[in-house]
Amino acid sequence: MSTIDIDRIELTLFGVSPAAAQSAATELEALLRQRLAGWRPDIAGTAPVALGNLDLGRVDAAARLDAPALATLIADRLIAQLDRAFARPTAATEDV
């Protein structure tokens, strides 16, 4: 069994009410558990990797995202960053 241990996710949300931010955080936790279950079994059992800070970009608050939509956006961007961080070597690199 492999696990992904996230020590902390810190987001800066401008123009989002504290209640909406808390709701999005709750949604995000459940969504990440669901989406990361079984993610990348090829790296299971490898040594821990510290990723440091990841920039997930900006979102225009004028879009008026609700908590589930905001959580989905954050999860999509986080998982894309994780995929890039653990990208498989290219064939040219493997042949060297």
C-alpha atoms as a PDB file:
ATOM      1  CA  MET A   1       0.000   0.000   0.000  1.00  0.00           C
ATOM      2  CA  SER A   2       1.261   3.477  -0.762  1.00  0.00           C
ATOM      3  CA  THR A   3       0.227   6.747   0.789  1.00  0.00           C
ATOM      4  CA  ILE A   4       0.594  10.361  -0.101  1.00  0.00           C
ATOM      5  CA  ASP A   5       1.254  12.451   2.970  1.00  0.00           C
ATOM      6  CA  ILE A   6       0.500  16.113   2.538  1.00  0.00           C
ATOM      7  CA  ASP A   7       1.771  18.024   5.536  1.00  0.00           C
ATOM      8  CA  ARG A   8       0.040  21.239   4.644  1.00  0.00           C
ATOM      9  CA  ILE A   9      -1.851  22.876   1.842  1.00  0.00           C
ATOM     10  CA  GLU A  10      -1.939  26.622   2.221  1.00  0.00           C
ATOM     11  CA  LEU A  11      -4.056  28.668  -0.146  1.00  0.00           C
ATOM     12  CA  THR A  12      -4.506  32.393  -0.333  1.00  0.00           C
ATOM     13  CA  LEU A  13      -8.056  33.180  -1.350  1.00  0.00           C
ATOM     14  CA  PHE A  14      -8.816  36.834  -1.998  1.00  0.00           C
ATOM     15  CA  GLY A  15     -12.456  37.827  -2.232  1.00  0.00           C
ATOM     16  CA  VAL A  16     -13.705  34.519  -0.819  1.00  0.00           C
ATOM     17  CA  SER A  17     -15.671  34.518   2.421  1.00  0.00           C
ATOM     18  CA  PRO A  18     -14.293  32.474   5.334  1.00  0.00           C
ATOM     19  CA  ALA A  19     -17.385  30.235   5.201  1.00  0.00           C
ATOM     20  CA  ALA A  20     -16.905  29.555   1.477  1.00  0.00           C
ATOM     21  CA  ALA A  21     -13.186  28.916   2.010  1.00  0.00           C
ATOM     22  CA  GLN A  22     -13.904  26.400   4.785  1.00  0.00           C
ATOM     23  CA  SER A  23     -16.516  24.683   2.651  1.00  0.00           C
ATOM     24  CA  ALA A  24     -14.063  24.472  -0.256  1.00  0.00           C
ATOM     25  CA  ALA A  25     -11.395  23.021   2.064  1.00  0.00           C
ATOM     26  CA  THR A  26     -13.796  20.305   3.202  1.00  0.00           C
ATOM     27  CA  GLU A  27     -14.723  19.538  -0.405  1.00  0.00           C
ATOM     28  CA  LEU A  28     -11.041  19.526  -1.400  1.00  0.00           C
ATOM     29  CA  GLU A  29     -10.071  17.009   1.265  1.00  0.00           C
ATOM     30  CA  ALA A  30     -12.718  14.520   0.123  1.00  0.00           C
ATOM     31  CA  LEU A  31     -11.961  15.122  -3.542  1.00  0.00           C
ATOM     32  CA  LEU A  32      -8.205  14.575  -3.121  1.00  0.00           C
ATOM     33  CA  ARG A  33      -8.786  11.357  -1.186  1.00  0.00           C
ATOM     34  CA  GLN A  34     -10.998  10.106  -4.005  1.00  0.00           C
ATOM     35  CA  ARG A  35      -8.797  11.201  -6.901  1.00  0.00           C
ATOM     36  CA  LEU A  36      -5.458  10.160  -5.415  1.00  0.00           C
ATOM     37  CA  ALA A  37      -6.614   6.679  -4.374  1.00  0.00           C
ATOM     38  CA  GLY A  38      -4.513   4.329  -6.474  1.00  0.00           C
ATOM     39  CA  TRP A  39      -2.718   7.221  -8.197  1.00  0.00           C
ATOM     40  CA  ARG A  40       0.604   6.274  -9.795  1.00  0.00           C
ATOM     41  CA  PRO A  41       1.086   2.748  -8.394  1.00  0.00           C
ATOM     42  CA  ASP A  42       4.415   2.688 -10.264  1.00  0.00           C
ATOM     43  CA  ILE A  43       5.954   4.945  -7.607  1.00  0.00           C
ATOM     44  CA  ALA A  44       4.563   3.035  -4.626  1.00  0.00           C
ATOM     45  CA  GLY A  45       7.239   2.212  -2.096  1.00  0.00           C
ATOM     46  CA  THR A  46       9.696   4.812  -3.335  1.00  0.00           C
ATOM     47  CA  ALA A  47      11.480   7.143  -0.966  1.00  0.00           C
ATOM     48  CA  PRO A  48       9.522  10.204   0.190  1.00  0.00           C
ATOM     49  CA  VAL A  49       9.894  13.292  -1.953  1.00  0.00           C
ATOM     50  CA  ALA A  50       9.533  16.838  -0.645  1.00  0.00           C
ATOM     51  CA  LEU A  51       7.919  18.987  -3.308  1.00  0.00           C
ATOM     52  CA  GLY A  52       8.152  22.305  -1.493  1.00  0.00           C
ATOM     53  CA  ASN A  53       5.894  25.045  -2.797  1.00  0.00           C
ATOM     54  CA  LEU A  54       3.742  24.512  -5.861  1.00  0.00           C
ATOM     55  CA  ASP A  55       2.217  27.445  -7.703  1.00  0.00           C
ATOM     56  CA  LEU A  56      -1.309  26.537  -8.731  1.00  0.00           C
ATOM     57  CA  GLY A  57      -1.868  29.833 -10.502  1.00  0.00           C
ATOM     58  CA  ARG A  58      -4.564  32.443 -10.080  1.00  0.00           C
ATOM     59  CA  VAL A  59      -8.309  32.256 -10.520  1.00  0.00           C
ATOM     60  CA  ASP A  60     -10.456  35.283 -11.251  1.00  0.00           C
ATOM     61  CA  ALA A  61     -12.827  35.571  -8.288  1.00  0.00           C
ATOM     62  CA  ALA A  62     -15.323  37.265 -10.592  1.00  0.00           C
ATOM     63  CA  ALA A  63     -16.107  33.757 -11.822  1.00  0.00           C
ATOM     64  CA  ARG A  64     -18.007  33.329  -8.514  1.00  0.00           C
ATOM     65  CA  LEU A  65     -17.066  29.703  -8.088  1.00  0.00           C
ATOM     66  CA  ASP A  66     -19.015  27.741  -5.494  1.00  0.00           C
ATOM     67  CA  ALA A  67     -17.155  25.504  -3.020  1.00  0.00           C
ATOM     68  CA  PRO A  68     -17.354  22.278  -5.075  1.00  0.00           C
ATOM     69  CA  ALA A  69     -16.194  24.059  -8.248  1.00  0.00           C
ATOM     70  CA  LEU A  70     -13.340  25.770  -6.390  1.00  0.00           C
ATOM     71  CA  ALA A  71     -12.272  22.465  -4.808  1.00  0.00           C
ATOM     72  CA  THR A  72     -12.361  20.753  -8.215  1.00  0.00           C
ATOM     73  CA  LEU A  73     -10.241  23.492  -9.777  1.00  0.00           C
ATOM     74  CA  ILE A  74      -7.662  23.286  -6.978  1.00  0.00           C
ATOM     75  CA  ALA A  75      -7.576  19.470  -7.112  1.00  0.00           C
ATOM     76  CA  ASP A  76      -7.153  19.487 -10.905  1.00  0.00           C
ATOM     77  CA  ARG A  77      -4.232  21.899 -10.693  1.00  0.00           C
ATOM     78  CA  LEU A  78      -2.599  20.117  -7.750  1.00  0.00           C
ATOM     79  CA  ILE A  79      -2.776  16.714  -9.414  1.00  0.00           C
ATOM     80  CA  ALA A  80      -1.394  18.174 -12.655  1.00  0.00           C
ATOM     81  CA  GLN A  81       1.576  19.541 -10.666  1.00  0.00           C
ATOM     82  CA  LEU A  82       2.081  16.161  -8.974  1.00  0.00           C
ATOM     83  CA  ASP A  83       1.983  14.418 -12.360  1.00  0.00           C
ATOM     84  CA  ARG A  84       4.689  16.761 -13.649  1.00  0.00           C
ATOM     85  CA  ALA A  85       6.787  16.283 -10.505  1.00  0.00           C
ATOM     86  CA  PHE A  86       6.703  12.511 -10.913  1.00  0.00           C
ATOM     87  CA  ALA A  87       6.871  12.430 -14.713  1.00  0.00           C
ATOM     88  CA  ARG A  88       8.399   9.290 -16.108  1.00  0.00           C
ATOM     89  CA  PRO A  89      11.767   9.694 -17.828  1.00  0.00           C
ATOM     90  CA  THR A  90      11.666   9.973 -21.580  1.00  0.00           C
ATOM     91  CA  ALA A  91      12.725   7.034 -23.733  1.00  0.00           C
ATOM     92  CA  ALA A  92      15.963   8.838 -24.683  1.00  0.00           C
ATOM     93  CA  THR A  93      16.912   9.201 -21.016  1.00  0.00           C
ATOM     94  CA  GLU A  94      16.097   5.561 -20.271  1.00  0.00           C
ATOM     95  CA  ASP A  95      18.400   4.326 -23.048  1.00  0.00           C
ATOM     96  CA  VAL A  96      21.438   6.199 -21.733  1.00  0.00           C
END
